[in-house]
């Protein structure tokens, strides 16, 4: 008679927007870390390689992706003629050049010498 009925109360749940942000935040953090540690450095390296390949000129000493070291004899649109040994020239695609060991000095604009 003197005992009243007790009803269970629902617990106050977290704010739905806060829960969503807390679930997405680690994914965003992982993407940012991947971008700065993997994606961005790879893009910069690719850009440097493209600039290096575009700046190839005659008499540069280059290393091919196969490991051959030679001197550039001529440069065409998409290929380079490289001298590996005396009287041994090979045609190599521009993008197969992995490194320029030594660059030649640019030729002066006026070839006449002042005396």
PDB file of N, CA and C in Angstrom:
ATOM      1  N   UNK A   1       0.770  -1.185   0.000  1.00  0.00           N
ATOM      2  CA  UNK A   1       0.000   0.000   0.000  1.00  0.00           C
ATOM      3  C   UNK A   1       0.826   1.271   0.000  1.00  0.00           C
ATOM      4  N   UNK A   2       1.814   1.308   0.804  1.00  0.00           N
ATOM      5  CA  UNK A   2       2.621   2.510   0.867  1.00  0.00           C
ATOM      6  C   UNK A   2       3.790   2.463  -0.113  1.00  0.00           C
ATOM      7  N   UNK A   3       3.910   1.418  -0.806  1.00  0.00           N
ATOM      8  CA  UNK A   3       5.023   1.299  -1.752  1.00  0.00           C
ATOM      9  C   UNK A   3       4.541   1.795  -3.107  1.00  0.00           C
ATOM     10  N   UNK A   4       5.284   2.741  -3.646  1.00  0.00           N
ATOM     11  CA  UNK A   4       4.915   3.278  -4.960  1.00  0.00           C
ATOM     12  C   UNK A   4       5.657   2.499  -6.053  1.00  0.00           C
ATOM     13  N   UNK A   5       5.113   2.536  -7.207  1.00  0.00           N
ATOM     14  CA  UNK A   5       5.715   1.824  -8.337  1.00  0.00           C
ATOM     15  C   UNK A   5       6.940   2.587  -8.827  1.00  0.00           C
ATOM     16  N   UNK A   6       8.012   1.855  -9.104  1.00  0.00           N
ATOM     17  CA  UNK A   6       9.245   2.472  -9.621  1.00  0.00           C
ATOM     18  C   UNK A   6       9.362   2.117 -11.097  1.00  0.00           C
ATOM     19  N   UNK A   7       9.562   3.145 -11.884  1.00  0.00           N
ATOM     20  CA  UNK A   7       9.716   2.944 -13.316  1.00  0.00           C
ATOM     21  C   UNK A   7      11.164   3.239 -13.712  1.00  0.00           C
ATOM     22  N   UNK A   8      11.680   2.443 -14.618  1.00  0.00           N
ATOM     23  CA  UNK A   8      13.057   2.650 -15.076  1.00  0.00           C
ATOM     24  C   UNK A   8      13.116   3.880 -15.959  1.00  0.00           C
ATOM     25  N   UNK A   9      14.163   4.681 -15.743  1.00  0.00           N
ATOM     26  CA  UNK A   9      14.343   5.876 -16.547  1.00  0.00           C
ATOM     27  C   UNK A   9      15.433   5.609 -17.583  1.00  0.00           C
ATOM     28  N   UNK A  10      15.254   6.187 -18.726  1.00  0.00           N
ATOM     29  CA  UNK A  10      16.281   6.024 -19.766  1.00  0.00           C
ATOM     30  C   UNK A  10      17.449   6.949 -19.459  1.00  0.00           C
ATOM     31  N   UNK A  11      18.647   6.461 -19.711  1.00  0.00           N
ATOM     32  CA  UNK A  11      19.844   7.265 -19.483  1.00  0.00           C
ATOM     33  C   UNK A  11      19.979   8.294 -20.590  1.00  0.00           C
ATOM     34  N   UNK A  12      20.492   9.455 -20.240  1.00  0.00           N
ATOM     35  CA  UNK A  12      20.681  10.505 -21.239  1.00  0.00           C
ATOM     36  C   UNK A  12      21.845  10.097 -22.148  1.00  0.00           C
ATOM     37  N   UNK A  13      21.584   9.974 -23.414  1.00  0.00           N
ATOM     38  CA  UNK A  13      22.607   9.550 -24.367  1.00  0.00           C
ATOM     39  C   UNK A  13      23.473  10.713 -24.800  1.00  0.00           C
ATOM     40  N   UNK A  14      24.609  10.407 -25.408  1.00  0.00           N
ATOM     41  CA  UNK A  14      25.484  11.475 -25.884  1.00  0.00           C
ATOM     42  C   UNK A  14      24.835  12.221 -27.042  1.00  0.00           C
ATOM     43  N   UNK A  15      25.334  13.421 -27.281  1.00  0.00           N
ATOM     44  CA  UNK A  15      24.823  14.234 -28.380  1.00  0.00           C
ATOM     45  C   UNK A  15      25.159  13.536 -29.703  1.00  0.00           C
ATOM     46  N   UNK A  16      24.198  13.350 -30.602  1.00  0.00           N
ATOM     47  CA  UNK A  16      24.460  12.618 -31.849  1.00  0.00           C
ATOM     48  C   UNK A  16      25.548  13.264 -32.712  1.00  0.00           C
ATOM     49  N   UNK A  17      25.637  14.576 -32.750  1.00  0.00           N
ATOM     50  CA  UNK A  17      26.657  15.214 -33.591  1.00  0.00           C
ATOM     51  C   UNK A  17      28.048  15.002 -33.011  1.00  0.00           C
ATOM     52  N   UNK A  18      28.188  15.010 -31.700  1.00  0.00           N
ATOM     53  CA  UNK A  18      29.485  14.766 -31.077  1.00  0.00           C
ATOM     54  C   UNK A  18      29.955  13.344 -31.359  1.00  0.00           C
ATOM     55  N   UNK A  19      29.046  12.392 -31.303  1.00  0.00           N
ATOM     56  CA  UNK A  19      29.402  11.006 -31.588  1.00  0.00           C
ATOM     57  C   UNK A  19      29.874  10.827 -33.030  1.00  0.00           C
ATOM     58  N   UNK A  20      29.231  11.495 -33.951  1.00  0.00           N
ATOM     59  CA  UNK A  20      29.612  11.395 -35.361  1.00  0.00           C
ATOM     60  C   UNK A  20      31.003  11.994 -35.585  1.00  0.00           C
ATOM     61  N   UNK A  21      31.262  13.128 -34.972  1.00  0.00           N
ATOM     62  CA  UNK A  21      32.570  13.773 -35.126  1.00  0.00           C
ATOM     63  C   UNK A  21      33.662  12.894 -34.530  1.00  0.00           C
ATOM     64  N   UNK A  22      33.395  12.279 -33.397  1.00  0.00           N
ATOM     65  CA  UNK A  22      34.390  11.424 -32.756  1.00  0.00           C
ATOM     66  C   UNK A  22      34.665  10.165 -33.575  1.00  0.00           C
ATOM     67  N   UNK A  23      33.711   9.735 -34.372  1.00  0.00           N
ATOM     68  CA  UNK A  23      33.928   8.569 -35.227  1.00  0.00           C
ATOM     69  C   UNK A  23      34.700   8.934 -36.493  1.00  0.00           C
ATOM     70  N   UNK A  24      34.475  10.131 -37.018  1.00  0.00           N
ATOM     71  CA  UNK A  24      35.108  10.546 -38.271  1.00  0.00           C
ATOM     72  C   UNK A  24      36.497  11.141 -38.036  1.00  0.00           C
ATOM     73  N   UNK A  25      36.740  11.719 -36.869  1.00  0.00           N
ATOM     74  CA  UNK A  25      38.018  12.385 -36.588  1.00  0.00           C
ATOM     75  C   UNK A  25      39.233  11.477 -36.803  1.00  0.00           C
ATOM     76  N   UNK A  26      39.255  10.227 -36.340  1.00  0.00           N
ATOM     77  CA  UNK A  26      40.438   9.386 -36.602  1.00  0.00           C
ATOM     78  C   UNK A  26      40.667   9.124 -38.091  1.00  0.00           C
ATOM     79  N   UNK A  27      39.606   8.988 -38.847  1.00  0.00           N
ATOM     80  CA  UNK A  27      39.761   8.769 -40.291  1.00  0.00           C
ATOM     81  C   UNK A  27      40.386   9.986 -40.969  1.00  0.00           C
ATOM     82  N   UNK A  28      39.938  11.163 -40.573  1.00  0.00           N
ATOM     83  CA  UNK A  28      40.503  12.396 -41.137  1.00  0.00           C
ATOM     84  C   UNK A  28      41.968  12.522 -40.739  1.00  0.00           C
ATOM     85  N   UNK A  29      42.277  12.220 -39.499  1.00  0.00           N
ATOM     86  CA  UNK A  29      43.660  12.286 -39.023  1.00  0.00           C
ATOM     87  C   UNK A  29      44.558  11.314 -39.800  1.00  0.00           C
ATOM     88  N   UNK A  30      44.086  10.117 -40.044  1.00  0.00           N
ATOM     89  CA  UNK A  30      44.860   9.132 -40.805  1.00  0.00           C
ATOM     90  C   UNK A  30      45.095   9.623 -42.234  1.00  0.00           C
ATOM     91  N   UNK A  31      44.066  10.203 -42.857  1.00  0.00           N
ATOM     92  CA  UNK A  31      44.220  10.715 -44.219  1.00  0.00           C
ATOM     93  C   UNK A  31      45.254  11.842 -44.254  1.00  0.00           C
ATOM     94  N   UNK A  32      45.226  12.747 -43.279  1.00  0.00           N
ATOM     95  CA  UNK A  32      46.186  13.854 -43.243  1.00  0.00           C
ATOM     96  C   UNK A  32      47.607  13.319 -43.082  1.00  0.00           C
ATOM     97  N   UNK A  33      47.799  12.347 -42.221  1.00  0.00           N
ATOM     98  CA  UNK A  33      49.122  11.765 -42.017  1.00  0.00           C
ATOM     99  C   UNK A  33      49.608  11.085 -43.297  1.00  0.00           C
ATOM    100  N   UNK A  34      48.745  10.312 -43.956  1.00  0.00           N
ATOM    101  CA  UNK A  34      49.123   9.658 -45.213  1.00  0.00           C
ATOM    102  C   UNK A  34      49.477  10.687 -46.278  1.00  0.00           C
ATOM    103  N   UNK A  35      48.728  11.789 -46.330  1.00  0.00           N
ATOM    104  CA  UNK A  35      49.004  12.804 -47.335  1.00  0.00           C
ATOM    105  C   UNK A  35      50.392  13.384 -47.135  1.00  0.00           C
ATOM    106  N   UNK A  36      50.729  13.779 -45.907  1.00  0.00           N
ATOM    107  CA  UNK A  36      52.016  14.437 -45.676  1.00  0.00           C
ATOM    108  C   UNK A  36      53.193  13.468 -45.648  1.00  0.00           C
ATOM    109  N   UNK A  37      52.973  12.209 -45.325  1.00  0.00           N
ATOM    110  CA  UNK A  37      54.089  11.261 -45.269  1.00  0.00           C
ATOM    111  C   UNK A  37      54.277  10.441 -46.538  1.00  0.00           C
ATOM    112  N   UNK A  38      53.218  10.257 -47.326  1.00  0.00           N
ATOM    113  CA  UNK A  38      53.326   9.404 -48.511  1.00  0.00           C
ATOM    114  C   UNK A  38      52.996  10.117 -49.816  1.00  0.00           C
ATOM    115  N   UNK A  39      51.846  10.727 -49.896  1.00  0.00           N
ATOM    116  CA  UNK A  39      51.356  11.260 -51.176  1.00  0.00           C
ATOM    117  C   UNK A  39      52.139  12.493 -51.604  1.00  0.00           C
ATOM    118  N   UNK A  40      52.269  13.485 -50.731  1.00  0.00           N
ATOM    119  CA  UNK A  40      52.932  14.738 -51.088  1.00  0.00           C
ATOM    120  C   UNK A  40      54.403  14.534 -51.460  1.00  0.00           C
ATOM    121  N   UNK A  41      55.211  13.790 -50.694  1.00  0.00           N
ATOM    122  CA  UNK A  41      56.602  13.587 -51.110  1.00  0.00           C
ATOM    123  C   UNK A  41      56.729  12.884 -52.460  1.00  0.00           C
ATOM    124  N   UNK A  42      55.821  11.948 -52.736  1.00  0.00           N
ATOM    125  CA  UNK A  42      55.870  11.249 -54.021  1.00  0.00           C
ATOM    126  C   UNK A  42      55.545  12.206 -55.161  1.00  0.00           C
ATOM    127  N   UNK A  43      54.585  13.108 -54.963  1.00  0.00           N
ATOM    128  CA  UNK A  43      54.259  14.090 -55.993  1.00  0.00           C
ATOM    129  C   UNK A  43      55.425  15.037 -56.235  1.00  0.00           C
ATOM    130  N   UNK A  44      56.100  15.452 -55.161  1.00  0.00           N
ATOM    131  CA  UNK A  44      57.243  16.345 -55.320  1.00  0.00           C
ATOM    132  C   UNK A  44      58.398  15.652 -56.033  1.00  0.00           C
ATOM    133  N   UNK A  45      58.645  14.387 -55.719  1.00  0.00           N
ATOM    134  CA  UNK A  45      59.717  13.646 -56.392  1.00  0.00           C
ATOM    135  C   UNK A  45      59.405  13.481 -57.877  1.00  0.00           C
ATOM    136  N   UNK A  46      58.151  13.207 -58.188  1.00  0.00           N
ATOM    137  CA  UNK A  46      57.755  13.074 -59.595  1.00  0.00           C
ATOM    138  C   UNK A  46      57.938  14.390 -60.341  1.00  0.00           C
ATOM    139  N   UNK A  47      57.596  15.498 -59.695  1.00  0.00           N
ATOM    140  CA  UNK A  47      57.751  16.812 -60.320  1.00  0.00           C
ATOM    141  C   UNK A  47      59.225  17.115 -60.579  1.00  0.00           C
ATOM    142  N   UNK A  48      60.102  16.812 -59.608  1.00  0.00           N
ATOM    143  CA  UNK A  48      61.537  17.025 -59.793  1.00  0.00           C
ATOM    144  C   UNK A  48      62.080  16.163 -60.933  1.00  0.00           C
ATOM    145  N   UNK A  49      61.605  14.910 -61.041  1.00  0.00           N
ATOM    146  CA  UNK A  49      62.068  14.026 -62.116  1.00  0.00           C
ATOM    147  C   UNK A  49      61.634  14.555 -63.478  1.00  0.00           C
ATOM    148  N   UNK A  50      60.392  15.026 -63.579  1.00  0.00           N
ATOM    149  CA  UNK A  50      59.917  15.569 -64.855  1.00  0.00           C
ATOM    150  C   UNK A  50      60.716  16.810 -65.253  1.00  0.00           C
ATOM    151  N   UNK A  51      61.047  17.662 -64.283  1.00  0.00           N
ATOM    152  CA  UNK A  51      61.852  18.847 -64.578  1.00  0.00           C
ATOM    153  C   UNK A  51      63.260  18.446 -65.021  1.00  0.00           C
ATOM    154  N   UNK A  52      63.831  17.428 -64.372  1.00  0.00           N
ATOM    155  CA  UNK A  52      65.167  16.960 -64.723  1.00  0.00           C
ATOM    156  C   UNK A  52      65.179  16.398 -66.143  1.00  0.00           C
ATOM    157  N   UNK A  53      64.176  15.609 -66.474  1.00  0.00           N
ATOM    158  CA  UNK A  53      64.106  15.000 -67.809  1.00  0.00           C
ATOM    159  C   UNK A  53      63.885  16.066 -68.873  1.00  0.00           C
ATOM    160  N   UNK A  54      63.094  17.082 -68.551  1.00  0.00           N
ATOM    161  CA  UNK A  54      62.843  18.143 -69.530  1.00  0.00           C
ATOM    162  C   UNK A  54      64.096  18.982 -69.769  1.00  0.00           C
ATOM    163  N   UNK A  55      65.010  19.045 -68.802  1.00  0.00           N
ATOM    164  CA  UNK A  55      66.200  19.880 -68.924  1.00  0.00           C
ATOM    165  C   UNK A  55      67.410  19.130 -69.490  1.00  0.00           C
ATOM    166  N   UNK A  56      67.227  17.905 -69.963  1.00  0.00           N
ATOM    167  CA  UNK A  56      68.351  17.151 -70.538  1.00  0.00           C
ATOM    168  C   UNK A  56      68.891  17.855 -71.768  1.00  0.00           C
ATOM    169  N   UNK A  57      70.221  17.840 -71.903  1.00  0.00           N
ATOM    170  CA  UNK A  57      70.832  18.413 -73.104  1.00  0.00           C
ATOM    171  C   UNK A  57      72.095  17.634 -73.454  1.00  0.00           C
ATOM    172  N   UNK A  58      72.634  17.931 -74.588  1.00  0.00           N
ATOM    173  CA  UNK A  58      73.799  17.216 -75.107  1.00  0.00           C
ATOM    174  C   UNK A  58      74.975  17.325 -74.131  1.00  0.00           C
ATOM    175  N   UNK A  59      75.732  16.234 -74.019  1.00  0.00           N
ATOM    176  CA  UNK A  59      76.934  16.098 -73.188  1.00  0.00           C
ATOM    177  C   UNK A  59      76.657  15.958 -71.692  1.00  0.00           C
ATOM    178  N   UNK A  60      75.415  15.820 -71.266  1.00  0.00           N
ATOM    179  CA  UNK A  60      75.126  15.513 -69.866  1.00  0.00           C
ATOM    180  C   UNK A  60      75.488  14.057 -69.609  1.00  0.00           C
ATOM    181  N   UNK A  61      76.033  13.774 -68.433  1.00  0.00           N
ATOM    182  CA  UNK A  61      76.306  12.394 -68.033  1.00  0.00           C
ATOM    183  C   UNK A  61      75.071  11.919 -67.263  1.00  0.00           C
ATOM    184  N   UNK A  62      74.460  10.816 -67.732  1.00  0.00           N
ATOM    185  CA  UNK A  62      73.206  10.355 -67.146  1.00  0.00           C
ATOM    186  C   UNK A  62      73.307   8.894 -66.731  1.00  0.00           C
ATOM    187  N   UNK A  63      72.397   8.507 -65.840  1.00  0.00           N
ATOM    188  CA  UNK A  63      72.244   7.117 -65.430  1.00  0.00           C
ATOM    189  C   UNK A  63      70.840   6.691 -65.848  1.00  0.00           C
ATOM    190  N   UNK A  64      70.746   5.568 -66.565  1.00  0.00           N
ATOM    191  CA  UNK A  64      69.436   5.076 -66.981  1.00  0.00           C
ATOM    192  C   UNK A  64      68.812   4.254 -65.857  1.00  0.00           C
ATOM    193  N   UNK A  65      67.548   3.941 -66.001  1.00  0.00           N
ATOM    194  CA  UNK A  65      66.876   3.131 -64.986  1.00  0.00           C
ATOM    195  C   UNK A  65      67.438   1.710 -64.948  1.00  0.00           C
ATOM    196  N   UNK A  66      68.107   1.285 -66.000  1.00  0.00           N
ATOM    197  CA  UNK A  66      68.750  -0.019 -66.023  1.00  0.00           C
ATOM    198  C   UNK A  66      70.135  -0.020 -65.406  1.00  0.00           C
ATOM    199  N   UNK A  67      70.633   1.170 -65.035  1.00  0.00           N
ATOM    200  CA  UNK A  67      71.925   1.263 -64.385  1.00  0.00           C
ATOM    201  C   UNK A  67      73.070   1.629 -65.307  1.00  0.00           C
ATOM    202  N   UNK A  68      72.804   1.848 -66.585  1.00  0.00           N
ATOM    203  CA  UNK A  68      73.870   2.224 -67.516  1.00  0.00           C
ATOM    204  C   UNK A  68      74.214   3.698 -67.347  1.00  0.00           C
ATOM    205  N   UNK A  69      75.501   3.999 -67.398  1.00  0.00           N
ATOM    206  CA  UNK A  69      75.970   5.379 -67.302  1.00  0.00           C
ATOM    207  C   UNK A  69      76.529   5.757 -68.665  1.00  0.00           C
ATOM    208  N   UNK A  70      76.098   6.891 -69.176  1.00  0.00           N
ATOM    209  CA  UNK A  70      76.572   7.317 -70.484  1.00  0.00           C
ATOM    210  C   UNK A  70      76.422   8.805 -70.679  1.00  0.00           C
ATOM    211  N   UNK A  71      76.882   9.265 -71.841  1.00  0.00           N
ATOM    212  CA  UNK A  71      76.836  10.680 -72.186  1.00  0.00           C
ATOM    213  C   UNK A  71      75.763  10.906 -73.244  1.00  0.00           C
ATOM    214  N   UNK A  72      74.949  11.928 -73.037  1.00  0.00           N
ATOM    215  CA  UNK A  72      73.875  12.244 -73.975  1.00  0.00           C
ATOM    216  C   UNK A  72      74.483  12.784 -75.260  1.00  0.00           C
ATOM    217  N   UNK A  73      74.143  12.154 -76.370  1.00  0.00           N
ATOM    218  CA  UNK A  73      74.629  12.593 -77.681  1.00  0.00           C
ATOM    219  C   UNK A  73      73.599  13.468 -78.389  1.00  0.00           C
ATOM    220  N   UNK A  74      72.318  13.127 -78.254  1.00  0.00           N
ATOM    221  CA  UNK A  74      71.273  13.951 -78.859  1.00  0.00           C
ATOM    222  C   UNK A  74      69.977  13.744 -78.085  1.00  0.00           C
ATOM    223  N   UNK A  75      69.118  14.748 -78.172  1.00  0.00           N
ATOM    224  CA  UNK A  75      67.844  14.719 -77.464  1.00  0.00           C
ATOM    225  C   UNK A  75      66.735  14.935 -78.488  1.00  0.00           C
ATOM    226  N   UNK A  76      65.773  14.013 -78.513  1.00  0.00           N
ATOM    227  CA  UNK A  76      64.609  14.150 -79.392  1.00  0.00           C
ATOM    228  C   UNK A  76      63.378  14.393 -78.508  1.00  0.00           C
ATOM    229  N   UNK A  77      62.205  14.337 -79.120  1.00  0.00           N
ATOM    230  CA  UNK A  77      60.975  14.619 -78.372  1.00  0.00           C
ATOM    231  C   UNK A  77      60.782  13.678 -77.196  1.00  0.00           C
ATOM    232  N   UNK A  78      60.814  12.374 -77.455  1.00  0.00           N
ATOM    233  CA  UNK A  78      60.518  11.422 -76.380  1.00  0.00           C
ATOM    234  C   UNK A  78      61.653  10.437 -76.127  1.00  0.00           C
ATOM    235  N   UNK A  79      62.782  10.607 -76.814  1.00  0.00           N
ATOM    236  CA  UNK A  79      63.902   9.702 -76.587  1.00  0.00           C
ATOM    237  C   UNK A  79      65.220  10.460 -76.603  1.00  0.00           C
ATOM    238  N   UNK A  80      66.224   9.809 -76.038  1.00  0.00           N
ATOM    239  CA  UNK A  80      67.555  10.382 -75.915  1.00  0.00           C
ATOM    240  C   UNK A  80      68.547   9.365 -76.459  1.00  0.00           C
ATOM    241  N   UNK A  81      69.525   9.836 -77.220  1.00  0.00           N
ATOM    242  CA  UNK A  81      70.590   8.948 -77.702  1.00  0.00           C
ATOM    243  C   UNK A  81      71.751   9.093 -76.728  1.00  0.00           C
ATOM    244  N   UNK A  82      72.119   7.955 -76.099  1.00  0.00           N
ATOM    245  CA  UNK A  82      73.149   7.953 -75.068  1.00  0.00           C
ATOM    246  C   UNK A  82      74.329   7.113 -75.544  1.00  0.00           C
ATOM    247  N   UNK A  83      75.544   7.655 -75.396  1.00  0.00           N
ATOM    248  CA  UNK A  83      76.758   6.921 -75.748  1.00  0.00           C
ATOM    249  C   UNK A  83      77.255   6.216 -74.487  1.00  0.00           C
ATOM    250  N   UNK A  84      77.231   4.891 -74.508  1.00  0.00           N
ATOM    251  CA  UNK A  84      77.674   4.106 -73.358  1.00  0.00           C
ATOM    252  C   UNK A  84      79.176   3.851 -73.392  1.00  0.00           C
ATOM    253  N   UNK A  85      79.729   3.678 -74.581  1.00  0.00           N
ATOM    254  CA  UNK A  85      81.153   3.449 -74.790  1.00  0.00           C
ATOM    255  C   UNK A  85      81.478   4.033 -76.169  1.00  0.00           C
ATOM    256  N   UNK A  86      82.737   4.157 -76.504  1.00  0.00           N
ATOM    257  CA  UNK A  86      83.049   4.664 -77.846  1.00  0.00           C
ATOM    258  C   UNK A  86      82.377   3.808 -78.934  1.00  0.00           C
ATOM    259  N   UNK A  87      81.682   4.451 -79.822  1.00  0.00           N
ATOM    260  CA  UNK A  87      80.959   3.822 -80.931  1.00  0.00           C
ATOM    261  C   UNK A  87      79.820   2.912 -80.468  1.00  0.00           C
ATOM    262  N   UNK A  88      79.325   3.092 -79.263  1.00  0.00           N
ATOM    263  CA  UNK A  88      78.165   2.330 -78.780  1.00  0.00           C
ATOM    264  C   UNK A  88      77.119   3.329 -78.320  1.00  0.00           C
ATOM    265  N   UNK A  89      76.138   3.589 -79.203  1.00  0.00           N
ATOM    266  CA  UNK A  89      75.039   4.495 -78.880  1.00  0.00           C
ATOM    267  C   UNK A  89      73.762   3.700 -78.711  1.00  0.00           C
ATOM    268  N   UNK A  90      72.967   4.081 -77.730  1.00  0.00           N
ATOM    269  CA  UNK A  90      71.666   3.448 -77.528  1.00  0.00           C
ATOM    270  C   UNK A  90      70.609   4.543 -77.462  1.00  0.00           C
ATOM    271  N   UNK A  91      69.416   4.172 -77.880  1.00  0.00           N
ATOM    272  CA  UNK A  91      68.274   5.079 -77.769  1.00  0.00           C
ATOM    273  C   UNK A  91      67.515   4.718 -76.502  1.00  0.00           C
ATOM    274  N   UNK A  92      67.259   5.705 -75.676  1.00  0.00           N
ATOM    275  CA  UNK A  92      66.595   5.495 -74.386  1.00  0.00           C
ATOM    276  C   UNK A  92      65.427   6.463 -74.300  1.00  0.00           C
ATOM    277  N   UNK A  93      64.308   5.991 -73.791  1.00  0.00           N
ATOM    278  CA  UNK A  93      63.187   6.895 -73.558  1.00  0.00           C
ATOM    279  C   UNK A  93      63.570   7.910 -72.494  1.00  0.00           C
ATOM    280  N   UNK A  94      63.061   9.119 -72.629  1.00  0.00           N
ATOM    281  CA  UNK A  94      63.394  10.182 -71.678  1.00  0.00           C
ATOM    282  C   UNK A  94      63.081   9.782 -70.238  1.00  0.00           C
ATOM    283  N   UNK A  95      61.940   9.140 -70.034  1.00  0.00           N
ATOM    284  CA  UNK A  95      61.522   8.808 -68.674  1.00  0.00           C
ATOM    285  C   UNK A  95      62.330   7.654 -68.079  1.00  0.00           C
ATOM    286  N   UNK A  96      63.167   7.007 -68.886  1.00  0.00           N
ATOM    287  CA  UNK A  96      64.017   5.946 -68.370  1.00  0.00           C
ATOM    288  C   UNK A  96      65.329   6.496 -67.818  1.00  0.00           C
ATOM    289  N   UNK A  97      65.522   7.806 -67.903  1.00  0.00           N
ATOM    290  CA  UNK A  97      66.694   8.436 -67.295  1.00  0.00           C
ATOM    291  C   UNK A  97      66.364   8.657 -65.827  1.00  0.00           C
ATOM    292  N   UNK A  98      67.160   8.049 -64.948  1.00  0.00           N
ATOM    293  CA  UNK A  98      66.837   8.162 -63.526  1.00  0.00           C
ATOM    294  C   UNK A  98      67.653   9.236 -62.817  1.00  0.00           C
ATOM    295  N   UNK A  99      68.796   9.621 -63.382  1.00  0.00           N
ATOM    296  CA  UNK A  99      69.643  10.597 -62.691  1.00  0.00           C
ATOM    297  C   UNK A  99      70.543  11.298 -63.696  1.00  0.00           C
ATOM    298  N   UNK A 100      70.814  12.553 -63.452  1.00  0.00           N
ATOM    299  CA  UNK A 100      71.810  13.292 -64.233  1.00  0.00           C
ATOM    300  C   UNK A 100      73.011  13.475 -63.324  1.00  0.00           C
ATOM    301  N   UNK A 101      74.124  12.825 -63.678  1.00  0.00           N
ATOM    302  CA  UNK A 101      75.319  12.863 -62.832  1.00  0.00           C
ATOM    303  C   UNK A 101      76.027  14.207 -62.925  1.00  0.00           C
ATOM    304  N   UNK A 102      76.276  14.672 -64.137  1.00  0.00           N
ATOM    305  CA  UNK A 102      76.939  15.967 -64.294  1.00  0.00           C
ATOM    306  C   UNK A 102      76.297  16.694 -65.456  1.00  0.00           C
ATOM    307  N   UNK A 103      76.017  17.943 -65.205  1.00  0.00           N
ATOM    308  CA  UNK A 103      75.401  18.769 -66.238  1.00  0.00           C
ATOM    309  C   UNK A 103      76.496  19.570 -66.918  1.00  0.00           C
ATOM    310  N   UNK A 104      76.304  19.811 -68.199  1.00  0.00           N
ATOM    311  CA  UNK A 104      77.251  20.638 -68.934  1.00  0.00           C
ATOM    312  C   UNK A 104      76.884  22.098 -68.739  1.00  0.00           C
ATOM    313  N   UNK A 105      77.866  22.947 -68.894  1.00  0.00           N
ATOM    314  CA  UNK A 105      77.614  24.380 -68.794  1.00  0.00           C
ATOM    315  C   UNK A 105      76.859  24.822 -70.044  1.00  0.00           C
ATOM    316  N   UNK A 106      75.886  25.704 -69.887  1.00  0.00           N
ATOM    317  CA  UNK A 106      75.178  26.177 -71.077  1.00  0.00           C
ATOM    318  C   UNK A 106      76.114  26.957 -71.992  1.00  0.00           C
ATOM    319  N   UNK A 107      75.924  26.783 -73.278  1.00  0.00           N
ATOM    320  CA  UNK A 107      76.759  27.473 -74.260  1.00  0.00           C
ATOM    321  C   UNK A 107      76.445  28.964 -74.211  1.00  0.00           C
ATOM    322  N   UNK A 108      77.451  29.810 -74.363  1.00  0.00           N
ATOM    323  CA  UNK A 108      77.183  31.256 -74.361  1.00  0.00           C
ATOM    324  C   UNK A 108      76.336  31.635 -75.573  1.00  0.00           C
ATOM    325  N   UNK A 109      75.571  32.692 -75.413  1.00  0.00           N
ATOM    326  CA  UNK A 109      74.672  33.122 -76.478  1.00  0.00           C
ATOM    327  C   UNK A 109      75.465  33.612 -77.688  1.00  0.00           C
ATOM    328  N   UNK A 110      76.612  34.254 -77.442  1.00  0.00           N
ATOM    329  CA  UNK A 110      77.431  34.756 -78.519  1.00  0.00           C
ATOM    330  C   UNK A 110      78.738  33.945 -78.502  1.00  0.00           C
ATOM    331  N   UNK A 111      78.993  33.188 -79.550  1.00  0.00           N
ATOM    332  CA  UNK A 111      80.160  32.320 -79.605  1.00  0.00           C
ATOM    333  C   UNK A 111      81.443  33.070 -79.954  1.00  0.00           C
ATOM    334  N   UNK A 112      81.335  34.292 -80.385  1.00  0.00           N
ATOM    335  CA  UNK A 112      82.561  35.033 -80.729  1.00  0.00           C
ATOM    336  C   UNK A 112      83.222  35.529 -79.449  1.00  0.00           C
ATOM    337  N   UNK A 113      84.564  35.458 -79.456  1.00  0.00           N
ATOM    338  CA  UNK A 113      85.314  35.886 -78.263  1.00  0.00           C
ATOM    339  C   UNK A 113      85.808  37.305 -78.468  1.00  0.00           C
ATOM    340  N   UNK A 114      85.684  38.086 -77.408  1.00  0.00           N
ATOM    341  CA  UNK A 114      86.183  39.464 -77.476  1.00  0.00           C
ATOM    342  C   UNK A 114      87.677  39.460 -77.217  1.00  0.00           C
ATOM    343  N   UNK A 115      88.464  40.138 -78.085  1.00  0.00           N
ATOM    344  CA  UNK A 115      89.932  40.176 -77.908  1.00  0.00           C
ATOM    345  C   UNK A 115      90.356  41.494 -77.356  1.00  0.00           C
TER     346      UNK A 115
END
